[in-house]
């Protein structure tokens, strides 16, 4: 059985929302709570943080750049269901460089 998703009324009958408008995957410094905007560049505004679009991309980036003091922040448009998650242990344990703040 095929189900159609009901989209908010701001979309016309032939329009589908881009899910990136509703959910963003960010890296957040665990201590300062700042969001990664770019390598060595942090912001307090989650709207300015870099959207990785997928948690694995964020994990890979943190691992590759040795960002061991970060967590994944999932931000939704209304903020009601925002969540943060620690990086997987294997990634956090193998990161050798300190986080750049």
PDB file of N, CA and C in Angstrom:
ATOM      1  N   UNK A   1       0.841  -1.175   0.000  1.00  0.00           N
ATOM      2  CA  UNK A   1       0.000   0.000   0.000  1.00  0.00           C
ATOM      3  C   UNK A   1       0.891   1.246   0.000  1.00  0.00           C
ATOM      4  N   UNK A   2       0.676   2.134  -0.899  1.00  0.00           N
ATOM      5  CA  UNK A   2       1.454   3.360  -1.030  1.00  0.00           C
ATOM      6  C   UNK A   2       0.798   4.465  -0.219  1.00  0.00           C
ATOM      7  N   UNK A   3       1.590   5.062   0.671  1.00  0.00           N
ATOM      8  CA  UNK A   3       1.069   6.165   1.480  1.00  0.00           C
ATOM      9  C   UNK A   3       1.691   7.465   1.003  1.00  0.00           C
ATOM     10  N   UNK A   4       0.924   8.489   0.942  1.00  0.00           N
ATOM     11  CA  UNK A   4       1.436   9.809   0.601  1.00  0.00           C
ATOM     12  C   UNK A   4       1.651  10.586   1.882  1.00  0.00           C
ATOM     13  N   UNK A   5       2.774  11.242   1.957  1.00  0.00           N
ATOM     14  CA  UNK A   5       3.040  12.077   3.116  1.00  0.00           C
ATOM     15  C   UNK A   5       2.283  13.381   2.988  1.00  0.00           C
ATOM     16  N   UNK A   6       1.756  13.828   4.080  1.00  0.00           N
ATOM     17  CA  UNK A   6       1.078  15.122   4.094  1.00  0.00           C
ATOM     18  C   UNK A   6       2.105  16.198   4.407  1.00  0.00           C
ATOM     19  N   UNK A   7       2.280  17.122   3.506  1.00  0.00           N
ATOM     20  CA  UNK A   7       3.222  18.208   3.698  1.00  0.00           C
ATOM     21  C   UNK A   7       2.485  19.432   4.228  1.00  0.00           C
ATOM     22  N   UNK A   8       3.192  20.297   4.909  1.00  0.00           N
ATOM     23  CA  UNK A   8       2.553  21.521   5.404  1.00  0.00           C
ATOM     24  C   UNK A   8       1.906  22.300   4.272  1.00  0.00           C
ATOM     25  N   UNK A   9       0.918  23.085   4.611  1.00  0.00           N
ATOM     26  CA  UNK A   9       0.134  23.804   3.607  1.00  0.00           C
ATOM     27  C   UNK A   9       0.921  24.866   2.855  1.00  0.00           C
ATOM     28  N   UNK A  10       2.147  25.177   3.271  1.00  0.00           N
ATOM     29  CA  UNK A  10       2.933  26.173   2.546  1.00  0.00           C
ATOM     30  C   UNK A  10       3.386  25.654   1.191  1.00  0.00           C
ATOM     31  N   UNK A  11       3.243  24.376   0.964  1.00  0.00           N
ATOM     32  CA  UNK A  11       3.633  23.780  -0.309  1.00  0.00           C
ATOM     33  C   UNK A  11       2.398  23.576  -1.168  1.00  0.00           C
ATOM     34  N   UNK A  12       2.551  23.873  -2.439  1.00  0.00           N
ATOM     35  CA  UNK A  12       1.462  23.659  -3.373  1.00  0.00           C
ATOM     36  C   UNK A  12       1.245  22.178  -3.617  1.00  0.00           C
ATOM     37  N   UNK A  13       0.191  21.802  -4.322  1.00  0.00           N
ATOM     38  CA  UNK A  13      -0.128  20.394  -4.537  1.00  0.00           C
ATOM     39  C   UNK A  13       0.945  19.630  -5.309  1.00  0.00           C
ATOM     40  N   UNK A  14       1.730  20.315  -6.128  1.00  0.00           N
ATOM     41  CA  UNK A  14       2.774  19.645  -6.909  1.00  0.00           C
ATOM     42  C   UNK A  14       4.167  19.870  -6.341  1.00  0.00           C
ATOM     43  N   UNK A  15       4.268  20.539  -5.207  1.00  0.00           N
ATOM     44  CA  UNK A  15       5.568  20.826  -4.604  1.00  0.00           C
ATOM     45  C   UNK A  15       5.853  19.860  -3.467  1.00  0.00           C
ATOM     46  N   UNK A  16       7.100  19.467  -3.373  1.00  0.00           N
ATOM     47  CA  UNK A  16       7.549  18.654  -2.247  1.00  0.00           C
ATOM     48  C   UNK A  16       8.671  19.413  -1.560  1.00  0.00           C
ATOM     49  N   UNK A  17       8.677  19.388  -0.230  1.00  0.00           N
ATOM     50  CA  UNK A  17       9.716  20.137   0.472  1.00  0.00           C
ATOM     51  C   UNK A  17      11.069  19.455   0.361  1.00  0.00           C
ATOM     52  N   UNK A  18      12.101  20.244   0.426  1.00  0.00           N
ATOM     53  CA  UNK A  18      13.449  19.743   0.524  1.00  0.00           C
ATOM     54  C   UNK A  18      13.669  19.447   2.003  1.00  0.00           C
ATOM     55  N   UNK A  19      13.951  18.195   2.354  1.00  0.00           N
ATOM     56  CA  UNK A  19      14.068  17.830   3.760  1.00  0.00           C
ATOM     57  C   UNK A  19      15.160  18.607   4.468  1.00  0.00           C
ATOM     58  N   UNK A  20      16.149  19.101   3.729  1.00  0.00           N
ATOM     59  CA  UNK A  20      17.199  19.902   4.344  1.00  0.00           C
ATOM     60  C   UNK A  20      16.646  21.199   4.923  1.00  0.00           C
ATOM     61  N   UNK A  21      15.464  21.604   4.486  1.00  0.00           N
ATOM     62  CA  UNK A  21      14.839  22.790   5.049  1.00  0.00           C
ATOM     63  C   UNK A  21      14.342  22.509   6.461  1.00  0.00           C
ATOM     64  N   UNK A  22      14.104  21.256   6.792  1.00  0.00           N
ATOM     65  CA  UNK A  22      13.507  20.885   8.066  1.00  0.00           C
ATOM     66  C   UNK A  22      14.494  20.306   9.064  1.00  0.00           C
ATOM     67  N   UNK A  23      15.589  19.713   8.592  1.00  0.00           N
ATOM     68  CA  UNK A  23      16.536  19.053   9.485  1.00  0.00           C
ATOM     69  C   UNK A  23      17.966  19.311   9.020  1.00  0.00           C
ATOM     70  N   UNK A  24      18.841  19.608   9.979  1.00  0.00           N
ATOM     71  CA  UNK A  24      20.247  19.860   9.669  1.00  0.00           C
ATOM     72  C   UNK A  24      21.106  18.994  10.580  1.00  0.00           C
ATOM     73  N   UNK A  25      22.212  18.495  10.048  1.00  0.00           N
ATOM     74  CA  UNK A  25      23.180  17.705  10.803  1.00  0.00           C
ATOM     75  C   UNK A  25      24.429  18.565  10.978  1.00  0.00           C
ATOM     76  N   UNK A  26      24.753  18.883  12.226  1.00  0.00           N
ATOM     77  CA  UNK A  26      25.857  19.782  12.536  1.00  0.00           C
ATOM     78  C   UNK A  26      26.842  19.107  13.482  1.00  0.00           C
ATOM     79  N   UNK A  27      28.029  19.663  13.557  1.00  0.00           N
ATOM     80  CA  UNK A  27      28.975  19.278  14.597  1.00  0.00           C
ATOM     81  C   UNK A  27      28.992  20.400  15.629  1.00  0.00           C
ATOM     82  N   UNK A  28      28.867  20.019  16.889  1.00  0.00           N
ATOM     83  CA  UNK A  28      28.837  20.984  17.978  1.00  0.00           C
ATOM     84  C   UNK A  28      29.961  20.673  18.963  1.00  0.00           C
ATOM     85  N   UNK A  29      30.704  21.704  19.355  1.00  0.00           N
ATOM     86  CA  UNK A  29      31.748  21.521  20.358  1.00  0.00           C
ATOM     87  C   UNK A  29      31.064  21.193  21.681  1.00  0.00           C
ATOM     88  N   UNK A  30      31.461  20.097  22.302  1.00  0.00           N
ATOM     89  CA  UNK A  30      30.774  19.609  23.500  1.00  0.00           C
ATOM     90  C   UNK A  30      30.874  20.577  24.679  1.00  0.00           C
ATOM     91  N   UNK A  31      31.987  21.260  24.838  1.00  0.00           N
ATOM     92  CA  UNK A  31      32.157  22.162  25.990  1.00  0.00           C
ATOM     93  C   UNK A  31      31.560  23.541  25.738  1.00  0.00           C
ATOM     94  N   UNK A  32      31.879  24.134  24.592  1.00  0.00           N
ATOM     95  CA  UNK A  32      31.450  25.516  24.324  1.00  0.00           C
ATOM     96  C   UNK A  32      30.047  25.595  23.734  1.00  0.00           C
ATOM     97  N   UNK A  33      29.566  24.489  23.195  1.00  0.00           N
ATOM     98  CA  UNK A  33      28.260  24.412  22.519  1.00  0.00           C
ATOM     99  C   UNK A  33      28.216  25.228  21.227  1.00  0.00           C
ATOM    100  N   UNK A  34      29.387  25.605  20.713  1.00  0.00           N
ATOM    101  CA  UNK A  34      29.440  26.310  19.429  1.00  0.00           C
ATOM    102  C   UNK A  34      29.318  25.296  18.295  1.00  0.00           C
ATOM    103  N   UNK A  35      28.856  25.764  17.145  1.00  0.00           N
ATOM    104  CA  UNK A  35      28.665  24.916  15.972  1.00  0.00           C
ATOM    105  C   UNK A  35      29.773  25.169  14.957  1.00  0.00           C
ATOM    106  N   UNK A  36      30.226  24.107  14.335  1.00  0.00           N
ATOM    107  CA  UNK A  36      31.278  24.217  13.330  1.00  0.00           C
ATOM    108  C   UNK A  36      30.729  24.915  12.089  1.00  0.00           C
ATOM    109  N   UNK A  37      31.384  25.998  11.701  1.00  0.00           N
ATOM    110  CA  UNK A  37      31.026  26.709  10.470  1.00  0.00           C
ATOM    111  C   UNK A  37      32.011  26.334   9.372  1.00  0.00           C
ATOM    112  N   UNK A  38      33.252  26.113   9.752  1.00  0.00           N
ATOM    113  CA  UNK A  38      34.326  25.719   8.853  1.00  0.00           C
ATOM    114  C   UNK A  38      35.495  25.297   9.719  1.00  0.00           C
ATOM    115  N   UNK A  39      36.492  24.710   9.130  1.00  0.00           N
ATOM    116  CA  UNK A  39      37.626  24.230   9.903  1.00  0.00           C
ATOM    117  C   UNK A  39      38.257  25.390  10.673  1.00  0.00           C
ATOM    118  N   UNK A  40      38.236  25.300  11.993  1.00  0.00           N
ATOM    119  CA  UNK A  40      38.756  26.359  12.848  1.00  0.00           C
ATOM    120  C   UNK A  40      37.818  27.541  13.019  1.00  0.00           C
ATOM    121  N   UNK A  41      36.607  27.453  12.505  1.00  0.00           N
ATOM    122  CA  UNK A  41      35.637  28.551  12.538  1.00  0.00           C
ATOM    123  C   UNK A  41      34.350  28.053  13.201  1.00  0.00           C
ATOM    124  N   UNK A  42      33.979  28.655  14.322  1.00  0.00           N
ATOM    125  CA  UNK A  42      32.840  28.218  15.112  1.00  0.00           C
ATOM    126  C   UNK A  42      31.850  29.358  15.279  1.00  0.00           C
ATOM    127  N   UNK A  43      30.582  29.024  15.469  1.00  0.00           N
ATOM    128  CA  UNK A  43      29.538  30.026  15.629  1.00  0.00           C
ATOM    129  C   UNK A  43      28.537  29.577  16.692  1.00  0.00           C
ATOM    130  N   UNK A  44      27.950  30.541  17.379  1.00  0.00           N
ATOM    131  CA  UNK A  44      26.910  30.242  18.361  1.00  0.00           C
ATOM    132  C   UNK A  44      25.556  30.018  17.690  1.00  0.00           C
ATOM    133  N   UNK A  45      25.416  30.484  16.460  1.00  0.00           N
ATOM    134  CA  UNK A  45      24.152  30.390  15.736  1.00  0.00           C
ATOM    135  C   UNK A  45      24.111  29.107  14.915  1.00  0.00           C
ATOM    136  N   UNK A  46      23.225  28.200  15.280  1.00  0.00           N
ATOM    137  CA  UNK A  46      23.168  26.926  14.551  1.00  0.00           C
ATOM    138  C   UNK A  46      22.762  27.102  13.095  1.00  0.00           C
ATOM    139  N   UNK A  47      22.103  28.190  12.761  1.00  0.00           N
ATOM    140  CA  UNK A  47      21.740  28.441  11.362  1.00  0.00           C
ATOM    141  C   UNK A  47      22.975  28.724  10.502  1.00  0.00           C
ATOM    142  N   UNK A  48      24.049  29.173  11.133  1.00  0.00           N
ATOM    143  CA  UNK A  48      25.288  29.466  10.415  1.00  0.00           C
ATOM    144  C   UNK A  48      26.243  28.276  10.379  1.00  0.00           C
ATOM    145  N   UNK A  49      25.941  27.243  11.155  1.00  0.00           N
ATOM    146  CA  UNK A  49      26.798  26.057  11.180  1.00  0.00           C
ATOM    147  C   UNK A  49      26.737  25.292   9.874  1.00  0.00           C
ATOM    148  N   UNK A  50      27.817  24.565   9.571  1.00  0.00           N
ATOM    149  CA  UNK A  50      27.875  23.788   8.335  1.00  0.00           C
ATOM    150  C   UNK A  50      26.946  22.582   8.435  1.00  0.00           C
ATOM    151  N   UNK A  51      26.076  22.416   7.464  1.00  0.00           N
ATOM    152  CA  UNK A  51      25.138  21.296   7.427  1.00  0.00           C
ATOM    153  C   UNK A  51      25.774  20.135   6.674  1.00  0.00           C
ATOM    154  N   UNK A  52      26.075  19.056   7.391  1.00  0.00           N
ATOM    155  CA  UNK A  52      26.684  17.881   6.775  1.00  0.00           C
ATOM    156  C   UNK A  52      25.668  17.025   6.026  1.00  0.00           C
ATOM    157  N   UNK A  53      24.400  17.227   6.260  1.00  0.00           N
ATOM    158  CA  UNK A  53      23.296  16.554   5.589  1.00  0.00           C
ATOM    159  C   UNK A  53      23.173  15.078   5.930  1.00  0.00           C
ATOM    160  N   UNK A  54      24.188  14.472   6.465  1.00  0.00           N
ATOM    161  CA  UNK A  54      24.145  13.060   6.868  1.00  0.00           C
ATOM    162  C   UNK A  54      25.110  12.872   8.023  1.00  0.00           C
ATOM    163  N   UNK A  55      24.710  12.111   9.009  1.00  0.00           N
ATOM    164  CA  UNK A  55      25.543  11.937  10.199  1.00  0.00           C
ATOM    165  C   UNK A  55      26.887  11.288   9.880  1.00  0.00           C
ATOM    166  N   UNK A  56      26.918  10.373   8.920  1.00  0.00           N
ATOM    167  CA  UNK A  56      28.189   9.714   8.593  1.00  0.00           C
ATOM    168  C   UNK A  56      29.196  10.712   8.018  1.00  0.00           C
ATOM    169  N   UNK A  57      28.724  11.680   7.252  1.00  0.00           N
ATOM    170  CA  UNK A  57      29.623  12.716   6.735  1.00  0.00           C
ATOM    171  C   UNK A  57      30.216  13.528   7.888  1.00  0.00           C
ATOM    172  N   UNK A  58      29.404  13.828   8.889  1.00  0.00           N
ATOM    173  CA  UNK A  58      29.883  14.579  10.050  1.00  0.00           C
ATOM    174  C   UNK A  58      30.899  13.753  10.834  1.00  0.00           C
ATOM    175  N   UNK A  59      30.624  12.478  11.018  1.00  0.00           N
ATOM    176  CA  UNK A  59      31.540  11.579  11.725  1.00  0.00           C
ATOM    177  C   UNK A  59      32.864  11.476  10.983  1.00  0.00           C
ATOM    178  N   UNK A  60      32.796  11.272   9.676  1.00  0.00           N
ATOM    179  CA  UNK A  60      34.016  11.164   8.871  1.00  0.00           C
ATOM    180  C   UNK A  60      34.843  12.444   8.927  1.00  0.00           C
ATOM    181  N   UNK A  61      34.183  13.587   8.868  1.00  0.00           N
ATOM    182  CA  UNK A  61      34.882  14.869   8.932  1.00  0.00           C
ATOM    183  C   UNK A  61      35.589  15.021  10.277  1.00  0.00           C
ATOM    184  N   UNK A  62      34.880  14.725  11.351  1.00  0.00           N
ATOM    185  CA  UNK A  62      35.474  14.838  12.688  1.00  0.00           C
ATOM    186  C   UNK A  62      36.673  13.910  12.825  1.00  0.00           C
ATOM    187  N   UNK A  63      36.547  12.709  12.315  1.00  0.00           N
ATOM    188  CA  UNK A  63      37.646  11.740  12.381  1.00  0.00           C
ATOM    189  C   UNK A  63      38.846  12.221  11.566  1.00  0.00           C
ATOM    190  N   UNK A  64      38.593  12.648  10.356  1.00  0.00           N
ATOM    191  CA  UNK A  64      39.657  13.070   9.456  1.00  0.00           C
ATOM    192  C   UNK A  64      40.424  14.286   9.992  1.00  0.00           C
ATOM    193  N   UNK A  65      39.723  15.183  10.672  1.00  0.00           N
ATOM    194  CA  UNK A  65      40.336  16.417  11.148  1.00  0.00           C
ATOM    195  C   UNK A  65      40.667  16.392  12.644  1.00  0.00           C
ATOM    196  N   UNK A  66      40.515  15.231  13.266  1.00  0.00           N
ATOM    197  CA  UNK A  66      40.896  15.085  14.667  1.00  0.00           C
ATOM    198  C   UNK A  66      40.072  15.917  15.630  1.00  0.00           C
ATOM    199  N   UNK A  67      38.805  16.099  15.318  1.00  0.00           N
ATOM    200  CA  UNK A  67      37.931  16.869  16.206  1.00  0.00           C
ATOM    201  C   UNK A  67      37.337  15.918  17.246  1.00  0.00           C
ATOM    202  N   UNK A  68      38.017  15.808  18.384  1.00  0.00           N
ATOM    203  CA  UNK A  68      37.585  14.821  19.372  1.00  0.00           C
ATOM    204  C   UNK A  68      36.729  15.406  20.487  1.00  0.00           C
ATOM    205  N   UNK A  69      36.430  16.666  20.462  1.00  0.00           N
ATOM    206  CA  UNK A  69      35.596  17.290  21.493  1.00  0.00           C
ATOM    207  C   UNK A  69      34.266  17.752  20.912  1.00  0.00           C
ATOM    208  N   UNK A  70      33.784  17.038  19.898  1.00  0.00           N
ATOM    209  CA  UNK A  70      32.538  17.432  19.245  1.00  0.00           C
ATOM    210  C   UNK A  70      31.489  16.348  19.391  1.00  0.00           C
ATOM    211  N   UNK A  71      30.271  16.773  19.190  1.00  0.00           N
ATOM    212  CA  UNK A  71      29.136  15.857  19.158  1.00  0.00           C
ATOM    213  C   UNK A  71      28.284  16.205  17.946  1.00  0.00           C
ATOM    214  N   UNK A  72      27.434  15.278  17.568  1.00  0.00           N
ATOM    215  CA  UNK A  72      26.533  15.519  16.439  1.00  0.00           C
ATOM    216  C   UNK A  72      25.283  16.208  16.972  1.00  0.00           C
ATOM    217  N   UNK A  73      24.906  17.291  16.341  1.00  0.00           N
ATOM    218  CA  UNK A  73      23.682  18.012  16.696  1.00  0.00           C
ATOM    219  C   UNK A  73      22.711  17.885  15.522  1.00  0.00           C
ATOM    220  N   UNK A  74      21.526  17.385  15.810  1.00  0.00           N
ATOM    221  CA  UNK A  74      20.468  17.287  14.803  1.00  0.00           C
ATOM    222  C   UNK A  74      19.470  18.385  15.134  1.00  0.00           C
ATOM    223  N   UNK A  75      19.337  19.323  14.224  1.00  0.00           N
ATOM    224  CA  UNK A  75      18.483  20.481  14.441  1.00  0.00           C
ATOM    225  C   UNK A  75      17.301  20.445  13.481  1.00  0.00           C
ATOM    226  N   UNK A  76      16.118  20.640  14.033  1.00  0.00           N
ATOM    227  CA  UNK A  76      14.894  20.674  13.243  1.00  0.00           C
ATOM    228  C   UNK A  76      14.376  22.103  13.158  1.00  0.00           C
ATOM    229  N   UNK A  77      13.521  22.361  12.203  1.00  0.00           N
ATOM    230  CA  UNK A  77      13.047  23.713  11.920  1.00  0.00           C
ATOM    231  C   UNK A  77      12.388  24.357  13.132  1.00  0.00           C
ATOM    232  N   UNK A  78      11.635  23.592  13.909  1.00  0.00           N
ATOM    233  CA  UNK A  78      10.946  24.185  15.051  1.00  0.00           C
ATOM    234  C   UNK A  78      11.688  23.986  16.368  1.00  0.00           C
ATOM    235  N   UNK A  79      12.733  23.187  16.379  1.00  0.00           N
ATOM    236  CA  UNK A  79      13.531  22.984  17.576  1.00  0.00           C
ATOM    237  C   UNK A  79      12.933  22.042  18.597  1.00  0.00           C
ATOM    238  N   UNK A  80      11.713  21.610  18.380  1.00  0.00           N
ATOM    239  CA  UNK A  80      11.033  20.758  19.354  1.00  0.00           C
ATOM    240  C   UNK A  80      11.717  19.404  19.524  1.00  0.00           C
ATOM    241  N   UNK A  81      12.286  18.878  18.470  1.00  0.00           N
ATOM    242  CA  UNK A  81      12.880  17.545  18.527  1.00  0.00           C
ATOM    243  C   UNK A  81      14.397  17.556  18.353  1.00  0.00           C
ATOM    244  N   UNK A  82      15.036  18.700  18.566  1.00  0.00           N
ATOM    245  CA  UNK A  82      16.489  18.786  18.453  1.00  0.00           C
ATOM    246  C   UNK A  82      17.142  17.755  19.381  1.00  0.00           C
ATOM    247  N   UNK A  83      18.241  17.171  18.913  1.00  0.00           N
ATOM    248  CA  UNK A  83      18.968  16.165  19.687  1.00  0.00           C
ATOM    249  C   UNK A  83      20.457  16.346  19.484  1.00  0.00           C
ATOM    250  N   UNK A  84      21.230  15.915  20.462  1.00  0.00           N
ATOM    251  CA  UNK A  84      22.681  15.828  20.304  1.00  0.00           C
ATOM    252  C   UNK A  84      23.101  14.412  20.657  1.00  0.00           C
ATOM    253  N   UNK A  85      24.142  13.940  19.964  1.00  0.00           N
ATOM    254  CA  UNK A  85      24.637  12.591  20.153  1.00  0.00           C
ATOM    255  C   UNK A  85      26.155  12.623  20.210  1.00  0.00           C
ATOM    256  N   UNK A  86      26.751  11.865  21.112  1.00  0.00           N
ATOM    257  CA  UNK A  86      28.214  11.793  21.124  1.00  0.00           C
ATOM    258  C   UNK A  86      28.699  11.065  19.874  1.00  0.00           C
ATOM    259  N   UNK A  87      29.920  11.359  19.468  1.00  0.00           N
ATOM    260  CA  UNK A  87      30.501  10.623  18.346  1.00  0.00           C
ATOM    261  C   UNK A  87      30.683   9.167  18.765  1.00  0.00           C
ATOM    262  N   UNK A  88      30.612   8.261  17.828  1.00  0.00           N
ATOM    263  CA  UNK A  88      30.883   6.855  18.153  1.00  0.00           C
ATOM    264  C   UNK A  88      32.252   6.722  18.812  1.00  0.00           C
ATOM    265  N   UNK A  89      32.387   5.806  19.759  1.00  0.00           N
ATOM    266  CA  UNK A  89      33.613   5.632  20.537  1.00  0.00           C
ATOM    267  C   UNK A  89      34.827   5.429  19.650  1.00  0.00           C
ATOM    268  N   UNK A  90      34.702   4.646  18.603  1.00  0.00           N
ATOM    269  CA  UNK A  90      35.846   4.367  17.732  1.00  0.00           C
ATOM    270  C   UNK A  90      36.375   5.653  17.121  1.00  0.00           C
ATOM    271  N   UNK A  91      35.511   6.570  16.768  1.00  0.00           N
ATOM    272  CA  UNK A  91      35.939   7.827  16.166  1.00  0.00           C
ATOM    273  C   UNK A  91      36.584   8.708  17.223  1.00  0.00           C
ATOM    274  N   UNK A  92      35.939   8.847  18.354  1.00  0.00           N
ATOM    275  CA  UNK A  92      36.479   9.712  19.407  1.00  0.00           C
ATOM    276  C   UNK A  92      37.814   9.175  19.919  1.00  0.00           C
ATOM    277  N   UNK A  93      37.964   7.873  20.000  1.00  0.00           N
ATOM    278  CA  UNK A  93      39.203   7.281  20.525  1.00  0.00           C
ATOM    279  C   UNK A  93      40.359   7.412  19.562  1.00  0.00           C
ATOM    280  N   UNK A  94      40.100   7.437  18.265  1.00  0.00           N
ATOM    281  CA  UNK A  94      41.191   7.489  17.291  1.00  0.00           C
ATOM    282  C   UNK A  94      41.565   8.911  16.906  1.00  0.00           C
ATOM    283  N   UNK A  95      40.775   9.888  17.305  1.00  0.00           N
ATOM    284  CA  UNK A  95      41.122  11.273  17.005  1.00  0.00           C
ATOM    285  C   UNK A  95      42.319  11.671  17.844  1.00  0.00           C
ATOM    286  N   UNK A  96      43.345  12.193  17.182  1.00  0.00           N
ATOM    287  CA  UNK A  96      44.579  12.498  17.895  1.00  0.00           C
ATOM    288  C   UNK A  96      44.840  13.974  18.075  1.00  0.00           C
ATOM    289  N   UNK A  97      44.255  14.809  17.242  1.00  0.00           N
ATOM    290  CA  UNK A  97      44.497  16.236  17.332  1.00  0.00           C
ATOM    291  C   UNK A  97      43.409  16.864  18.198  1.00  0.00           C
ATOM    292  N   UNK A  98      43.757  17.882  18.997  1.00  0.00           N
ATOM    293  CA  UNK A  98      42.717  18.554  19.795  1.00  0.00           C
ATOM    294  C   UNK A  98      41.759  19.330  18.902  1.00  0.00           C
ATOM    295  N   UNK A  99      40.551  19.498  19.371  1.00  0.00           N
ATOM    296  CA  UNK A  99      39.568  20.266  18.615  1.00  0.00           C
ATOM    297  C   UNK A  99      40.029  21.701  18.490  1.00  0.00           C
ATOM    298  N   UNK A 100      39.813  22.277  17.328  1.00  0.00           N
ATOM    299  CA  UNK A 100      40.219  23.662  17.074  1.00  0.00           C
ATOM    300  C   UNK A 100      39.054  24.581  17.411  1.00  0.00           C
ATOM    301  N   UNK A 101      39.235  25.399  18.414  1.00  0.00           N
ATOM    302  CA  UNK A 101      38.171  26.319  18.822  1.00  0.00           C
ATOM    303  C   UNK A 101      38.573  27.739  18.527  1.00  0.00           C
TER     304      UNK A 101
END
